[in-house]
Amino acid sequence: MTEHKNRIPVKLPSLAFIVCLLISIACWLLVTLSKEYKMTYEYKLVCENLPEGRKSITASDTVISLTFNQKGLIYLTKPFKEKEKTVTVSVSDLIKPKNKVTVYTFTNKELCDFLVANNFGPELVAVSAPEVITFYLR
């Protein structure tokens, strides 16, 4: 019988405290998941679809850094977190507006516009690096 008398009474949190805690957690999640994030990832550049008569292509850079606008759950669920990130570029489509030569130079803005139109869509904000990329066709 002495065991019950030595026990310290435990106070349970009030119902009002629990409700306020749940409301604050819900508000925090709402704000966090509606916030826009800018994330930069490095991608390996893979070239395909060479123009007729060309045997190989060499690029001045084989790794490019891409910056994305991401929002809430998209940031958590998109495949941006893959270990092997690659960007496949159709060389024929990329060089179509340029004159037919063996060396093609593109600014990061031109490359970004092409990638938005063909690979990533409006979530891609910019090509962070390199400033200029050059393709050499043989």
N, C-alpha and C. Protein backbone atom coordinates (compact mmCIF):
# COMPACT_ATOMS: atom_id res chain seq x y z
N MET A 1 0.79 -1.18 0.00
CA MET A 1 0.00 0.00 0.00
C MET A 1 0.84 1.26 0.00
N THR A 2 2.01 1.19 0.47
CA THR A 2 2.85 2.38 0.51
C THR A 2 3.35 2.78 -0.87
N GLU A 3 3.31 1.86 -1.80
CA GLU A 3 3.76 2.17 -3.16
C GLU A 3 2.88 3.21 -3.83
N HIS A 4 1.61 3.19 -3.62
CA HIS A 4 0.69 4.16 -4.23
C HIS A 4 0.87 5.55 -3.66
N LYS A 5 1.22 5.66 -2.43
CA LYS A 5 1.36 6.97 -1.79
C LYS A 5 2.64 7.67 -2.25
N ASN A 6 3.71 6.94 -2.62
CA ASN A 6 4.96 7.54 -3.05
C ASN A 6 4.96 7.94 -4.52
N ARG A 7 4.00 7.55 -5.26
CA ARG A 7 3.92 7.85 -6.70
C ARG A 7 3.59 9.33 -6.90
N ILE A 8 4.36 9.99 -7.79
CA ILE A 8 4.13 11.40 -8.09
C ILE A 8 3.04 11.48 -9.15
N PRO A 9 2.04 12.30 -8.94
CA PRO A 9 0.97 12.40 -9.93
C PRO A 9 1.48 13.08 -11.21
N VAL A 10 1.14 12.55 -12.34
CA VAL A 10 1.54 13.09 -13.64
C VAL A 10 0.39 13.91 -14.18
N LYS A 11 0.70 15.18 -14.53
CA LYS A 11 -0.33 16.03 -15.10
C LYS A 11 -0.34 15.87 -16.60
N LEU A 12 -1.46 15.59 -17.17
CA LEU A 12 -1.59 15.50 -18.61
C LEU A 12 -1.82 16.91 -19.16
N PRO A 13 -1.28 17.19 -20.37
CA PRO A 13 -1.49 18.52 -20.94
C PRO A 13 -2.97 18.75 -21.18
N SER A 14 -3.34 19.99 -21.07
CA SER A 14 -4.76 20.30 -21.24
C SER A 14 -5.16 20.14 -22.71
N LEU A 15 -6.42 19.98 -22.92
CA LEU A 15 -6.95 19.82 -24.28
C LEU A 15 -6.70 21.07 -25.11
N ALA A 16 -6.77 22.24 -24.49
CA ALA A 16 -6.53 23.50 -25.21
C ALA A 16 -5.08 23.55 -25.72
N PHE A 17 -4.13 23.10 -24.91
CA PHE A 17 -2.73 23.07 -25.33
C PHE A 17 -2.54 22.16 -26.53
N ILE A 18 -3.13 20.99 -26.51
CA ILE A 18 -2.99 20.01 -27.61
C ILE A 18 -3.60 20.58 -28.89
N VAL A 19 -4.76 21.21 -28.78
CA VAL A 19 -5.40 21.80 -29.97
C VAL A 19 -4.53 22.91 -30.54
N CYS A 20 -4.00 23.79 -29.68
CA CYS A 20 -3.13 24.87 -30.16
C CYS A 20 -1.86 24.31 -30.80
N LEU A 21 -1.31 23.26 -30.23
CA LEU A 21 -0.12 22.63 -30.80
C LEU A 21 -0.41 22.07 -32.19
N LEU A 22 -1.52 21.39 -32.36
CA LEU A 22 -1.89 20.83 -33.67
C LEU A 22 -2.15 21.94 -34.69
N ILE A 23 -2.78 23.02 -34.29
CA ILE A 23 -3.03 24.14 -35.21
C ILE A 23 -1.71 24.78 -35.63
N SER A 24 -0.78 24.94 -34.70
CA SER A 24 0.51 25.56 -35.04
C SER A 24 1.32 24.66 -35.97
N ILE A 25 1.27 23.36 -35.77
CA ILE A 25 1.97 22.42 -36.67
C ILE A 25 1.36 22.48 -38.06
N ALA A 26 0.04 22.54 -38.16
CA ALA A 26 -0.63 22.64 -39.46
C ALA A 26 -0.26 23.94 -40.16
N CYS A 27 -0.21 25.04 -39.43
CA CYS A 27 0.17 26.33 -40.03
C CYS A 27 1.62 26.31 -40.50
N TRP A 28 2.51 25.72 -39.70
CA TRP A 28 3.91 25.63 -40.10
C TRP A 28 4.05 24.81 -41.38
N LEU A 29 3.36 23.68 -41.48
CA LEU A 29 3.40 22.85 -42.69
C LEU A 29 2.87 23.60 -43.89
N LEU A 30 1.79 24.34 -43.72
CA LEU A 30 1.20 25.11 -44.82
C LEU A 30 2.19 26.15 -45.34
N VAL A 31 2.83 26.87 -44.45
CA VAL A 31 3.80 27.90 -44.86
C VAL A 31 5.02 27.26 -45.51
N THR A 32 5.53 26.20 -44.91
CA THR A 32 6.73 25.54 -45.44
C THR A 32 6.47 24.93 -46.81
N LEU A 33 5.34 24.30 -47.01
CA LEU A 33 5.06 23.62 -48.28
C LEU A 33 4.58 24.57 -49.37
N SER A 34 4.23 25.80 -49.03
CA SER A 34 3.82 26.75 -50.07
C SER A 34 4.97 27.68 -50.47
N LYS A 35 6.07 27.60 -49.78
CA LYS A 35 7.23 28.44 -50.07
C LYS A 35 7.93 27.96 -51.34
N GLU A 36 8.46 28.91 -52.13
CA GLU A 36 9.21 28.56 -53.33
C GLU A 36 10.70 28.47 -52.99
N TYR A 37 11.32 27.45 -53.53
CA TYR A 37 12.74 27.23 -53.32
C TYR A 37 13.45 27.30 -54.67
N LYS A 38 14.68 27.80 -54.66
CA LYS A 38 15.53 27.74 -55.85
C LYS A 38 16.65 26.78 -55.53
N MET A 39 16.69 25.70 -56.28
CA MET A 39 17.69 24.67 -56.04
C MET A 39 18.54 24.49 -57.30
N THR A 40 19.84 24.30 -57.11
CA THR A 40 20.76 24.09 -58.21
C THR A 40 21.33 22.67 -58.13
N TYR A 41 21.25 21.97 -59.25
CA TYR A 41 21.75 20.60 -59.33
C TYR A 41 22.70 20.48 -60.51
N GLU A 42 23.66 19.58 -60.40
CA GLU A 42 24.58 19.32 -61.51
C GLU A 42 24.07 18.12 -62.29
N TYR A 43 24.06 18.26 -63.61
CA TYR A 43 23.62 17.21 -64.52
C TYR A 43 24.73 16.88 -65.50
N LYS A 44 24.83 15.61 -65.84
CA LYS A 44 25.76 15.18 -66.87
C LYS A 44 25.09 15.40 -68.22
N LEU A 45 25.79 16.03 -69.14
CA LEU A 45 25.26 16.34 -70.47
C LEU A 45 25.52 15.18 -71.42
N VAL A 46 24.45 14.62 -71.99
CA VAL A 46 24.55 13.51 -72.92
C VAL A 46 23.98 13.98 -74.26
N CYS A 47 24.77 13.85 -75.31
CA CYS A 47 24.35 14.30 -76.64
C CYS A 47 23.91 13.11 -77.48
N GLU A 48 22.82 13.29 -78.22
CA GLU A 48 22.32 12.26 -79.12
C GLU A 48 21.79 12.91 -80.38
N ASN A 49 21.38 12.10 -81.34
CA ASN A 49 20.76 12.57 -82.57
C ASN A 49 21.67 13.54 -83.32
N LEU A 50 22.83 13.03 -83.76
CA LEU A 50 23.78 13.86 -84.50
C LEU A 50 23.23 14.18 -85.90
N PRO A 51 23.61 15.33 -86.45
CA PRO A 51 23.17 15.66 -87.81
C PRO A 51 23.78 14.69 -88.83
N GLU A 52 23.14 14.61 -89.99
CA GLU A 52 23.63 13.72 -91.05
C GLU A 52 25.06 14.06 -91.44
N GLY A 53 25.87 13.05 -91.63
CA GLY A 53 27.24 13.25 -92.07
C GLY A 53 28.22 13.49 -90.93
N ARG A 54 27.75 13.57 -89.71
CA ARG A 54 28.63 13.79 -88.56
C ARG A 54 28.79 12.48 -87.81
N LYS A 55 30.03 12.20 -87.39
CA LYS A 55 30.31 10.92 -86.72
C LYS A 55 30.37 11.04 -85.21
N SER A 56 30.87 12.17 -84.71
CA SER A 56 31.01 12.30 -83.26
C SER A 56 30.88 13.76 -82.85
N ILE A 57 30.68 13.94 -81.56
CA ILE A 57 30.57 15.29 -81.01
C ILE A 57 31.36 15.35 -79.72
N THR A 58 31.99 16.49 -79.50
CA THR A 58 32.69 16.76 -78.25
C THR A 58 32.14 18.07 -77.71
N ALA A 59 31.87 18.10 -76.42
CA ALA A 59 31.37 19.32 -75.79
C ALA A 59 32.45 19.91 -74.91
N SER A 60 32.46 21.24 -74.80
CA SER A 60 33.47 21.89 -73.96
C SER A 60 33.26 21.57 -72.49
N ASP A 61 32.03 21.30 -72.10
CA ASP A 61 31.72 20.90 -70.73
C ASP A 61 30.77 19.72 -70.77
N THR A 62 31.02 18.75 -69.92
CA THR A 62 30.13 17.59 -69.88
C THR A 62 29.21 17.62 -68.66
N VAL A 63 29.42 18.61 -67.78
CA VAL A 63 28.56 18.77 -66.60
C VAL A 63 28.02 20.19 -66.61
N ILE A 64 26.70 20.30 -66.47
CA ILE A 64 26.08 21.62 -66.41
C ILE A 64 25.29 21.75 -65.10
N SER A 65 25.22 22.96 -64.59
CA SER A 65 24.47 23.23 -63.36
C SER A 65 23.16 23.90 -63.74
N LEU A 66 22.05 23.31 -63.30
CA LEU A 66 20.73 23.84 -63.61
C LEU A 66 20.04 24.30 -62.34
N THR A 67 19.40 25.46 -62.40
CA THR A 67 18.67 26.01 -61.26
C THR A 67 17.18 25.89 -61.52
N PHE A 68 16.46 25.34 -60.54
CA PHE A 68 15.03 25.09 -60.66
C PHE A 68 14.25 25.87 -59.61
N ASN A 69 13.05 26.31 -59.98
CA ASN A 69 12.07 26.81 -59.02
C ASN A 69 11.27 25.62 -58.57
N GLN A 70 11.23 25.40 -57.28
CA GLN A 70 10.47 24.26 -56.75
C GLN A 70 9.60 24.76 -55.63
N LYS A 71 8.46 24.13 -55.47
CA LYS A 71 7.50 24.58 -54.47
C LYS A 71 7.03 23.39 -53.65
N GLY A 72 7.17 23.51 -52.35
CA GLY A 72 6.62 22.56 -51.40
C GLY A 72 6.84 21.10 -51.70
N LEU A 73 5.74 20.37 -51.89
CA LEU A 73 5.82 18.92 -52.10
C LEU A 73 6.54 18.56 -53.39
N ILE A 74 6.51 19.44 -54.39
CA ILE A 74 7.24 19.17 -55.64
C ILE A 74 8.72 19.00 -55.33
N TYR A 75 9.22 19.83 -54.42
CA TYR A 75 10.62 19.75 -54.01
C TYR A 75 10.94 18.38 -53.42
N LEU A 76 10.00 17.81 -52.71
CA LEU A 76 10.24 16.53 -52.06
C LEU A 76 10.02 15.34 -52.99
N THR A 77 9.14 15.47 -54.00
CA THR A 77 8.75 14.32 -54.78
C THR A 77 9.35 14.25 -56.18
N LYS A 78 9.87 15.35 -56.70
CA LYS A 78 10.40 15.33 -58.06
C LYS A 78 11.67 14.49 -58.13
N PRO A 79 11.98 14.00 -59.33
CA PRO A 79 13.18 13.17 -59.45
C PRO A 79 14.47 13.97 -59.51
N PHE A 80 14.51 15.17 -58.90
CA PHE A 80 15.73 15.96 -58.88
C PHE A 80 16.77 15.35 -57.96
N LYS A 81 16.37 14.48 -57.11
CA LYS A 81 17.26 13.92 -56.11
C LYS A 81 17.97 12.65 -56.59
N GLU A 82 17.77 12.26 -57.84
CA GLU A 82 18.40 11.04 -58.34
C GLU A 82 19.91 11.18 -58.28
N LYS A 83 20.59 10.07 -58.06
CA LYS A 83 22.05 10.11 -57.97
C LYS A 83 22.68 10.37 -59.34
N GLU A 84 22.22 9.68 -60.36
CA GLU A 84 22.74 9.84 -61.71
C GLU A 84 21.82 10.76 -62.50
N LYS A 85 22.08 12.04 -62.42
CA LYS A 85 21.25 13.01 -63.14
C LYS A 85 21.88 13.26 -64.50
N THR A 86 21.12 13.04 -65.55
CA THR A 86 21.61 13.29 -66.90
C THR A 86 20.59 14.13 -67.66
N VAL A 87 21.12 14.93 -68.58
CA VAL A 87 20.30 15.70 -69.50
C VAL A 87 20.65 15.21 -70.89
N THR A 88 19.66 14.72 -71.60
CA THR A 88 19.88 14.26 -72.97
C THR A 88 19.47 15.38 -73.93
N VAL A 89 20.41 15.78 -74.78
CA VAL A 89 20.18 16.88 -75.71
C VAL A 89 20.25 16.35 -77.14
N SER A 90 19.22 16.64 -77.91
CA SER A 90 19.22 16.31 -79.33
C SER A 90 20.03 17.37 -80.06
N VAL A 91 21.21 16.99 -80.52
CA VAL A 91 22.12 17.95 -81.14
C VAL A 91 21.50 18.54 -82.42
N SER A 92 20.83 17.72 -83.21
CA SER A 92 20.21 18.22 -84.44
C SER A 92 19.20 19.33 -84.15
N ASP A 93 18.38 19.14 -83.11
CA ASP A 93 17.40 20.16 -82.74
C ASP A 93 18.07 21.40 -82.15
N LEU A 94 19.13 21.21 -81.41
CA LEU A 94 19.81 22.32 -80.77
C LEU A 94 20.50 23.23 -81.78
N ILE A 95 21.15 22.64 -82.80
CA ILE A 95 21.93 23.46 -83.74
C ILE A 95 21.11 23.90 -84.95
N LYS A 96 19.86 23.48 -85.04
CA LYS A 96 19.02 23.80 -86.19
C LYS A 96 19.03 25.28 -86.56
N PRO A 97 18.86 26.23 -85.62
CA PRO A 97 18.82 27.64 -86.01
C PRO A 97 20.17 28.24 -86.38
N LYS A 98 21.26 27.55 -86.14
CA LYS A 98 22.60 28.09 -86.43
C LYS A 98 23.04 27.69 -87.84
N ASN A 99 24.06 28.39 -88.35
CA ASN A 99 24.64 28.05 -89.65
C ASN A 99 25.33 26.70 -89.58
N LYS A 100 25.43 26.02 -90.73
CA LYS A 100 26.03 24.69 -90.76
C LYS A 100 27.56 24.82 -90.78
N VAL A 101 28.15 24.61 -89.59
CA VAL A 101 29.60 24.61 -89.42
C VAL A 101 29.95 23.44 -88.52
N THR A 102 31.19 23.36 -88.08
CA THR A 102 31.58 22.24 -87.23
C THR A 102 31.71 22.65 -85.76
N VAL A 103 31.68 23.94 -85.46
CA VAL A 103 31.78 24.41 -84.08
C VAL A 103 30.55 25.26 -83.78
N TYR A 104 29.84 24.91 -82.71
CA TYR A 104 28.63 25.62 -82.31
C TYR A 104 28.79 26.10 -80.88
N THR A 105 28.55 27.38 -80.66
CA THR A 105 28.67 27.97 -79.33
C THR A 105 27.30 28.44 -78.87
N PHE A 106 26.97 28.13 -77.61
CA PHE A 106 25.69 28.52 -77.04
C PHE A 106 25.92 29.18 -75.69
N THR A 107 25.21 30.29 -75.46
CA THR A 107 25.26 30.92 -74.15
C THR A 107 24.37 30.13 -73.20
N ASN A 108 24.51 30.39 -71.92
CA ASN A 108 23.67 29.67 -70.97
C ASN A 108 22.20 30.04 -71.13
N LYS A 109 21.90 31.24 -71.61
CA LYS A 109 20.51 31.65 -71.87
C LYS A 109 19.92 30.85 -73.04
N GLU A 110 20.69 30.69 -74.13
CA GLU A 110 20.22 29.90 -75.27
C GLU A 110 20.00 28.44 -74.87
N LEU A 111 20.91 27.89 -74.12
CA LEU A 111 20.79 26.50 -73.67
C LEU A 111 19.59 26.35 -72.72
N CYS A 112 19.39 27.33 -71.86
CA CYS A 112 18.25 27.29 -70.93
C CYS A 112 16.94 27.31 -71.71
N ASP A 113 16.82 28.20 -72.71
CA ASP A 113 15.60 28.26 -73.52
C ASP A 113 15.33 26.93 -74.22
N PHE A 114 16.39 26.29 -74.72
CA PHE A 114 16.23 25.00 -75.39
C PHE A 114 15.78 23.93 -74.39
N LEU A 115 16.39 23.89 -73.22
CA LEU A 115 16.03 22.88 -72.22
C LEU A 115 14.63 23.09 -71.67
N VAL A 116 14.20 24.34 -71.53
CA VAL A 116 12.83 24.61 -71.08
C VAL A 116 11.84 24.09 -72.12
N ALA A 117 12.14 24.32 -73.39
CA ALA A 117 11.23 23.90 -74.46
C ALA A 117 11.22 22.39 -74.67
N ASN A 118 12.34 21.71 -74.43
CA ASN A 118 12.44 20.30 -74.80
C ASN A 118 12.59 19.31 -73.66
N ASN A 119 13.12 19.71 -72.51
CA ASN A 119 13.41 18.73 -71.48
C ASN A 119 12.67 18.97 -70.16
N PHE A 120 12.73 20.18 -69.62
CA PHE A 120 12.31 20.40 -68.24
C PHE A 120 11.03 21.18 -68.06
N GLY A 121 10.71 22.05 -68.95
CA GLY A 121 9.51 22.87 -68.77
C GLY A 121 9.79 24.10 -67.92
N PRO A 122 8.73 24.75 -67.47
CA PRO A 122 8.88 26.06 -66.81
C PRO A 122 9.55 26.02 -65.43
N GLU A 123 9.75 24.85 -64.86
CA GLU A 123 10.41 24.79 -63.55
C GLU A 123 11.88 25.16 -63.63
N LEU A 124 12.48 25.02 -64.82
CA LEU A 124 13.89 25.37 -65.01
C LEU A 124 13.99 26.89 -65.10
N VAL A 125 14.82 27.48 -64.25
CA VAL A 125 14.98 28.93 -64.20
C VAL A 125 16.19 29.38 -65.00
N ALA A 126 17.31 28.67 -64.83
CA ALA A 126 18.55 29.11 -65.47
C ALA A 126 19.54 27.97 -65.55
N VAL A 127 20.48 28.14 -66.51
CA VAL A 127 21.66 27.28 -66.56
C VAL A 127 22.74 28.08 -65.84
N SER A 128 23.09 27.64 -64.65
CA SER A 128 24.01 28.40 -63.80
C SER A 128 25.45 28.32 -64.29
N ALA A 129 25.85 27.17 -64.77
CA ALA A 129 27.22 27.00 -65.25
C ALA A 129 27.19 25.95 -66.34
N PRO A 130 27.95 26.05 -67.34
CA PRO A 130 28.92 27.08 -67.69
C PRO A 130 28.23 28.28 -68.33
N GLU A 131 28.95 29.38 -68.43
CA GLU A 131 28.41 30.58 -69.08
C GLU A 131 28.23 30.33 -70.58
N VAL A 132 29.18 29.63 -71.18
CA VAL A 132 29.13 29.32 -72.62
C VAL A 132 29.51 27.85 -72.77
N ILE A 133 28.80 27.17 -73.65
CA ILE A 133 29.15 25.77 -73.96
C ILE A 133 29.35 25.67 -75.46
N THR A 134 30.37 24.93 -75.85
CA THR A 134 30.72 24.78 -77.25
C THR A 134 30.67 23.32 -77.63
N PHE A 135 30.06 23.05 -78.81
CA PHE A 135 29.98 21.69 -79.35
C PHE A 135 30.86 21.63 -80.59
N TYR A 136 31.70 20.61 -80.67
CA TYR A 136 32.58 20.39 -81.81
C TYR A 136 32.10 19.13 -82.52
N LEU A 137 31.72 19.26 -83.79
CA LEU A 137 31.25 18.11 -84.58
C LEU A 137 32.33 17.65 -85.52
N ARG A 138 32.43 16.32 -85.70
CA ARG A 138 33.39 15.74 -86.65
C ARG A 138 32.65 14.91 -87.64
